[in-house]
Amino acid sequence: MIPRSRMKIDLVGQAILLIGLILNLAVITNFQWAKYLLIFLVLWQISSAVHLYLVYRYTAKLGYLMISSVTILSLFIWIQIIGIWAYLPVLGIALWYFLQTLNDTLVVISRPRYFWDLF
């Protein structure tokens, strides 16, 4: 059973990175920093998905891992073809994973806990 604290930390970390990315694009419009924030967000999400799969055998994260790996591998080609717009699919996948994590966190929080899960 996935601990509540693990899901909360994951959700808060992703939310901070996503809000920072949105504020950077909306207010500062510095695409270089936005690119770094997006890369850090995707790395956070990939490590989270790998951890959830390996430790808790949560197979729903395999879809994200496959899609993100194909997108990241093809990103270098798409950057050469269409430039900065190639980051939009990566941002879309990051938003999708964030919403999936939000849904998973709400499910984990709503589950009843046993006595030994409190420790």
N, C-alpha and C. Protein backbone atom coordinates (compact mmCIF):
# COMPACT_ATOMS: atom_id res chain seq x y z
N MET A 1 0.84 -1.16 0.00
CA MET A 1 0.00 0.00 0.00
C MET A 1 0.90 1.24 0.00
N ILE A 2 0.60 2.16 -0.87
CA ILE A 2 1.41 3.37 -1.02
C ILE A 2 1.12 4.31 0.16
N PRO A 3 2.16 4.79 0.83
CA PRO A 3 1.94 5.70 1.97
C PRO A 3 1.40 7.05 1.53
N ARG A 4 0.60 7.63 2.39
CA ARG A 4 0.05 8.96 2.11
C ARG A 4 1.14 10.00 1.99
N SER A 5 2.12 9.92 2.87
CA SER A 5 3.18 10.94 2.88
C SER A 5 3.98 10.92 1.57
N ARG A 6 4.17 9.74 1.00
CA ARG A 6 4.91 9.64 -0.25
C ARG A 6 4.14 10.32 -1.38
N MET A 7 2.84 10.09 -1.44
CA MET A 7 2.03 10.71 -2.48
C MET A 7 1.91 12.22 -2.28
N LYS A 8 1.82 12.65 -1.03
CA LYS A 8 1.72 14.09 -0.76
C LYS A 8 3.01 14.81 -1.16
N ILE A 9 4.15 14.22 -0.82
CA ILE A 9 5.44 14.83 -1.18
C ILE A 9 5.58 14.89 -2.70
N ASP A 10 5.18 13.83 -3.38
CA ASP A 10 5.25 13.80 -4.84
C ASP A 10 4.36 14.87 -5.44
N LEU A 11 3.15 14.99 -4.94
CA LEU A 11 2.21 15.97 -5.48
C LEU A 11 2.67 17.40 -5.22
N VAL A 12 3.16 17.67 -4.02
CA VAL A 12 3.62 19.02 -3.69
C VAL A 12 4.85 19.39 -4.51
N GLY A 13 5.78 18.46 -4.67
CA GLY A 13 6.97 18.73 -5.48
C GLY A 13 6.62 19.03 -6.92
N GLN A 14 5.72 18.25 -7.49
CA GLN A 14 5.30 18.49 -8.87
C GLN A 14 4.55 19.82 -8.99
N ALA A 15 3.71 20.12 -8.00
CA ALA A 15 2.95 21.37 -8.04
C ALA A 15 3.87 22.58 -7.98
N ILE A 16 4.90 22.52 -7.13
CA ILE A 16 5.84 23.64 -7.03
C ILE A 16 6.57 23.83 -8.35
N LEU A 17 7.04 22.75 -8.95
CA LEU A 17 7.74 22.87 -10.23
C LEU A 17 6.82 23.36 -11.34
N LEU A 18 5.59 22.88 -11.36
CA LEU A 18 4.64 23.29 -12.39
C LEU A 18 4.23 24.76 -12.23
N ILE A 19 4.01 25.19 -11.00
CA ILE A 19 3.67 26.60 -10.77
C ILE A 19 4.85 27.49 -11.13
N GLY A 20 6.06 27.05 -10.77
CA GLY A 20 7.24 27.82 -11.15
C GLY A 20 7.39 27.92 -12.66
N LEU A 21 7.10 26.83 -13.35
CA LEU A 21 7.16 26.84 -14.82
C LEU A 21 6.13 27.78 -15.42
N ILE A 22 4.92 27.72 -14.92
CA ILE A 22 3.85 28.59 -15.45
C ILE A 22 4.15 30.05 -15.16
N LEU A 23 4.61 30.35 -13.94
CA LEU A 23 4.96 31.73 -13.61
C LEU A 23 6.13 32.21 -14.45
N ASN A 24 7.07 31.36 -14.70
CA ASN A 24 8.21 31.74 -15.53
C ASN A 24 7.77 32.07 -16.95
N LEU A 25 6.89 31.27 -17.49
CA LEU A 25 6.42 31.54 -18.85
C LEU A 25 5.49 32.75 -18.91
N ALA A 26 4.65 32.94 -17.88
CA ALA A 26 3.67 34.02 -17.92
C ALA A 26 4.26 35.37 -17.55
N VAL A 27 5.12 35.41 -16.56
CA VAL A 27 5.60 36.69 -16.04
C VAL A 27 6.97 37.05 -16.61
N ILE A 28 7.91 36.13 -16.50
CA ILE A 28 9.29 36.45 -16.86
C ILE A 28 9.54 36.23 -18.35
N THR A 29 8.88 35.28 -18.93
CA THR A 29 9.04 34.87 -20.33
C THR A 29 10.50 34.56 -20.67
N ASN A 30 11.16 33.89 -19.75
CA ASN A 30 12.53 33.44 -19.98
C ASN A 30 12.47 31.97 -20.37
N PHE A 31 12.59 31.68 -21.65
CA PHE A 31 12.43 30.32 -22.12
C PHE A 31 13.57 29.40 -21.70
N GLN A 32 14.74 29.97 -21.46
CA GLN A 32 15.86 29.14 -21.02
C GLN A 32 15.58 28.55 -19.64
N TRP A 33 15.13 29.37 -18.69
CA TRP A 33 14.80 28.86 -17.36
C TRP A 33 13.58 27.96 -17.40
N ALA A 34 12.63 28.28 -18.26
CA ALA A 34 11.44 27.44 -18.39
C ALA A 34 11.82 26.06 -18.90
N LYS A 35 12.78 26.02 -19.81
CA LYS A 35 13.24 24.73 -20.33
C LYS A 35 13.88 23.91 -19.22
N TYR A 36 14.68 24.55 -18.37
CA TYR A 36 15.31 23.84 -17.26
C TYR A 36 14.29 23.36 -16.24
N LEU A 37 13.30 24.18 -15.96
CA LEU A 37 12.24 23.77 -15.03
C LEU A 37 11.44 22.60 -15.59
N LEU A 38 11.16 22.64 -16.89
CA LEU A 38 10.42 21.54 -17.52
C LEU A 38 11.25 20.25 -17.49
N ILE A 39 12.53 20.35 -17.75
CA ILE A 39 13.39 19.16 -17.70
C ILE A 39 13.44 18.59 -16.29
N PHE A 40 13.56 19.47 -15.29
CA PHE A 40 13.59 19.01 -13.90
C PHE A 40 12.26 18.38 -13.50
N LEU A 41 11.13 18.96 -13.97
CA LEU A 41 9.82 18.40 -13.69
C LEU A 41 9.67 17.01 -14.31
N VAL A 42 10.10 16.85 -15.54
CA VAL A 42 10.00 15.55 -16.20
C VAL A 42 10.90 14.52 -15.52
N LEU A 43 12.09 14.93 -15.11
CA LEU A 43 12.97 14.00 -14.38
C LEU A 43 12.36 13.60 -13.05
N TRP A 44 11.72 14.55 -12.36
CA TRP A 44 11.02 14.24 -11.11
C TRP A 44 9.93 13.21 -11.37
N GLN A 45 9.15 13.43 -12.43
CA GLN A 45 8.03 12.54 -12.72
C GLN A 45 8.52 11.16 -13.15
N ILE A 46 9.57 11.09 -13.92
CA ILE A 46 10.10 9.79 -14.34
C ILE A 46 10.63 9.02 -13.13
N SER A 47 11.36 9.70 -12.26
CA SER A 47 11.86 9.01 -11.07
C SER A 47 10.72 8.58 -10.15
N SER A 48 9.67 9.38 -10.07
CA SER A 48 8.50 9.01 -9.28
C SER A 48 7.81 7.78 -9.87
N ALA A 49 7.65 7.76 -11.18
CA ALA A 49 6.99 6.62 -11.83
C ALA A 49 7.81 5.36 -11.69
N VAL A 50 9.13 5.47 -11.82
CA VAL A 50 9.99 4.30 -11.66
C VAL A 50 9.93 3.79 -10.22
N HIS A 51 9.94 4.70 -9.26
CA HIS A 51 9.86 4.30 -7.86
C HIS A 51 8.54 3.62 -7.55
N LEU A 52 7.44 4.20 -8.04
CA LEU A 52 6.13 3.59 -7.78
C LEU A 52 6.03 2.21 -8.42
N TYR A 53 6.62 2.05 -9.59
CA TYR A 53 6.55 0.75 -10.24
C TYR A 53 7.45 -0.29 -9.54
N LEU A 54 8.67 0.09 -9.24
CA LEU A 54 9.60 -0.87 -8.66
C LEU A 54 9.28 -1.24 -7.21
N VAL A 55 8.90 -0.26 -6.41
CA VAL A 55 8.67 -0.52 -4.99
C VAL A 55 7.27 -1.04 -4.73
N TYR A 56 6.27 -0.42 -5.34
CA TYR A 56 4.88 -0.76 -5.04
C TYR A 56 4.18 -1.55 -6.14
N ARG A 57 4.89 -1.86 -7.22
CA ARG A 57 4.34 -2.61 -8.36
C ARG A 57 3.06 -1.96 -8.91
N TYR A 58 3.11 -0.65 -9.02
CA TYR A 58 1.98 0.12 -9.54
C TYR A 58 2.12 0.19 -11.06
N THR A 59 1.44 -0.73 -11.75
CA THR A 59 1.66 -0.90 -13.19
C THR A 59 1.02 0.20 -14.04
N ALA A 60 0.18 1.04 -13.45
CA ALA A 60 -0.42 2.12 -14.23
C ALA A 60 0.62 3.14 -14.66
N LYS A 61 1.76 3.16 -14.02
CA LYS A 61 2.81 4.12 -14.37
C LYS A 61 3.65 3.67 -15.56
N LEU A 62 3.49 2.43 -15.99
CA LEU A 62 4.26 1.96 -17.15
C LEU A 62 3.89 2.70 -18.43
N GLY A 63 2.63 3.05 -18.57
CA GLY A 63 2.20 3.81 -19.74
C GLY A 63 2.90 5.15 -19.83
N TYR A 64 2.99 5.83 -18.69
CA TYR A 64 3.70 7.11 -18.68
C TYR A 64 5.17 6.92 -19.01
N LEU A 65 5.78 5.88 -18.45
CA LEU A 65 7.20 5.65 -18.72
C LEU A 65 7.47 5.38 -20.19
N MET A 66 6.61 4.63 -20.83
CA MET A 66 6.80 4.34 -22.26
C MET A 66 6.59 5.60 -23.10
N ILE A 67 5.53 6.35 -22.82
CA ILE A 67 5.24 7.55 -23.60
C ILE A 67 6.32 8.61 -23.40
N SER A 68 6.75 8.79 -22.15
CA SER A 68 7.77 9.81 -21.90
C SER A 68 9.12 9.42 -22.50
N SER A 69 9.46 8.15 -22.49
CA SER A 69 10.74 7.76 -23.08
C SER A 69 10.74 7.98 -24.59
N VAL A 70 9.66 7.65 -25.26
CA VAL A 70 9.58 7.89 -26.71
C VAL A 70 9.61 9.38 -27.01
N THR A 71 8.90 10.16 -26.21
CA THR A 71 8.87 11.61 -26.42
C THR A 71 10.23 12.23 -26.20
N ILE A 72 10.91 11.82 -25.15
CA ILE A 72 12.23 12.39 -24.86
C ILE A 72 13.25 11.99 -25.93
N LEU A 73 13.17 10.74 -26.39
CA LEU A 73 14.10 10.31 -27.43
C LEU A 73 13.87 11.04 -28.75
N SER A 74 12.62 11.33 -29.05
CA SER A 74 12.33 12.04 -30.31
C SER A 74 12.38 13.55 -30.16
N LEU A 75 12.56 14.05 -28.93
CA LEU A 75 12.56 15.50 -28.71
C LEU A 75 13.71 16.18 -29.43
N PHE A 76 14.86 15.57 -29.46
CA PHE A 76 16.01 16.20 -30.10
C PHE A 76 15.80 16.38 -31.60
N ILE A 77 15.12 15.43 -32.22
CA ILE A 77 14.81 15.55 -33.64
C ILE A 77 13.78 16.65 -33.86
N TRP A 78 12.74 16.68 -33.01
CA TRP A 78 11.69 17.68 -33.16
C TRP A 78 12.18 19.10 -32.87
N ILE A 79 13.17 19.23 -31.99
CA ILE A 79 13.73 20.57 -31.74
C ILE A 79 14.40 21.10 -33.00
N GLN A 80 15.07 20.21 -33.73
CA GLN A 80 15.71 20.63 -34.98
C GLN A 80 14.69 20.99 -36.06
N ILE A 81 13.53 20.32 -36.02
CA ILE A 81 12.53 20.55 -37.07
C ILE A 81 11.66 21.77 -36.78
N ILE A 82 11.07 21.83 -35.57
CA ILE A 82 10.11 22.91 -35.29
C ILE A 82 10.55 23.85 -34.18
N GLY A 83 11.71 23.67 -33.63
CA GLY A 83 12.25 24.61 -32.66
C GLY A 83 11.64 24.46 -31.28
N ILE A 84 11.37 25.61 -30.68
CA ILE A 84 10.92 25.63 -29.28
C ILE A 84 9.52 25.03 -29.11
N TRP A 85 8.76 24.96 -30.17
CA TRP A 85 7.41 24.38 -30.08
C TRP A 85 7.44 22.89 -29.80
N ALA A 86 8.60 22.28 -29.92
CA ALA A 86 8.73 20.84 -29.66
C ALA A 86 8.54 20.52 -28.19
N TYR A 87 8.64 21.53 -27.33
CA TYR A 87 8.46 21.31 -25.89
C TYR A 87 6.99 21.23 -25.49
N LEU A 88 6.08 21.60 -26.35
CA LEU A 88 4.64 21.54 -26.01
C LEU A 88 4.14 20.13 -25.71
N PRO A 89 4.51 19.10 -26.51
CA PRO A 89 4.08 17.75 -26.13
C PRO A 89 4.66 17.30 -24.80
N VAL A 90 5.88 17.72 -24.50
CA VAL A 90 6.49 17.36 -23.22
C VAL A 90 5.72 18.01 -22.08
N LEU A 91 5.34 19.27 -22.27
CA LEU A 91 4.53 19.96 -21.27
C LEU A 91 3.17 19.30 -21.11
N GLY A 92 2.58 18.86 -22.21
CA GLY A 92 1.29 18.16 -22.14
C GLY A 92 1.39 16.85 -21.38
N ILE A 93 2.45 16.10 -21.60
CA ILE A 93 2.65 14.84 -20.89
C ILE A 93 2.90 15.10 -19.41
N ALA A 94 3.64 16.17 -19.10
CA ALA A 94 3.90 16.53 -17.70
C ALA A 94 2.60 16.91 -17.00
N LEU A 95 1.74 17.66 -17.68
CA LEU A 95 0.44 18.01 -17.10
C LEU A 95 -0.43 16.78 -16.90
N TRP A 96 -0.39 15.85 -17.86
CA TRP A 96 -1.15 14.61 -17.75
C TRP A 96 -0.70 13.81 -16.54
N TYR A 97 0.61 13.69 -16.34
CA TYR A 97 1.11 12.94 -15.21
C TYR A 97 0.78 13.64 -13.89
N PHE A 98 0.81 14.97 -13.88
CA PHE A 98 0.44 15.71 -12.68
C PHE A 98 -1.01 15.44 -12.31
N LEU A 99 -1.90 15.47 -13.29
CA LEU A 99 -3.32 15.17 -13.01
C LEU A 99 -3.51 13.74 -12.56
N GLN A 100 -2.75 12.82 -13.14
CA GLN A 100 -2.81 11.42 -12.72
C GLN A 100 -2.31 11.27 -11.28
N THR A 101 -1.26 11.99 -10.92
CA THR A 101 -0.75 11.96 -9.55
C THR A 101 -1.76 12.57 -8.58
N LEU A 102 -2.42 13.64 -8.99
CA LEU A 102 -3.46 14.25 -8.16
C LEU A 102 -4.58 13.26 -7.90
N ASN A 103 -5.02 12.56 -8.93
CA ASN A 103 -6.07 11.56 -8.78
C ASN A 103 -5.61 10.42 -7.88
N ASP A 104 -4.39 9.93 -8.08
CA ASP A 104 -3.85 8.85 -7.25
C ASP A 104 -3.73 9.27 -5.79
N THR A 105 -3.33 10.52 -5.56
CA THR A 105 -3.21 11.02 -4.18
C THR A 105 -4.57 11.08 -3.51
N LEU A 106 -5.58 11.53 -4.23
CA LEU A 106 -6.93 11.57 -3.65
C LEU A 106 -7.44 10.17 -3.33
N VAL A 107 -7.12 9.19 -4.17
CA VAL A 107 -7.52 7.81 -3.90
C VAL A 107 -6.79 7.27 -2.68
N VAL A 108 -5.48 7.53 -2.59
CA VAL A 108 -4.70 7.02 -1.45
C VAL A 108 -5.16 7.67 -0.15
N ILE A 109 -5.46 8.96 -0.19
CA ILE A 109 -5.91 9.64 1.02
C ILE A 109 -7.27 9.15 1.48
N SER A 110 -8.13 8.79 0.55
CA SER A 110 -9.49 8.37 0.92
C SER A 110 -9.56 6.93 1.43
N ARG A 111 -8.50 6.15 1.24
CA ARG A 111 -8.50 4.77 1.72
C ARG A 111 -8.37 4.71 3.23
N PRO A 112 -9.08 3.78 3.86
CA PRO A 112 -8.88 3.62 5.31
C PRO A 112 -7.52 2.98 5.58
N ARG A 113 -6.91 3.37 6.69
CA ARG A 113 -5.60 2.87 7.05
C ARG A 113 -5.70 1.92 8.24
N TYR A 114 -4.81 0.96 8.25
CA TYR A 114 -4.73 0.03 9.38
C TYR A 114 -3.85 0.64 10.46
N PHE A 115 -3.88 0.01 11.62
CA PHE A 115 -3.11 0.53 12.74
C PHE A 115 -1.63 0.57 12.44
N TRP A 116 -1.08 -0.43 11.78
CA TRP A 116 0.36 -0.50 11.54
C TRP A 116 0.81 0.46 10.46
N ASP A 117 -0.11 0.99 9.68
CA ASP A 117 0.26 1.97 8.68
C ASP A 117 0.50 3.35 9.27
N LEU A 118 0.14 3.54 10.52
CA LEU A 118 0.34 4.82 11.16
C LEU A 118 1.80 5.06 11.50
N PHE A 119 2.60 4.01 11.56
CA PHE A 119 4.00 4.15 11.96
C PHE A 119 4.92 4.14 10.78
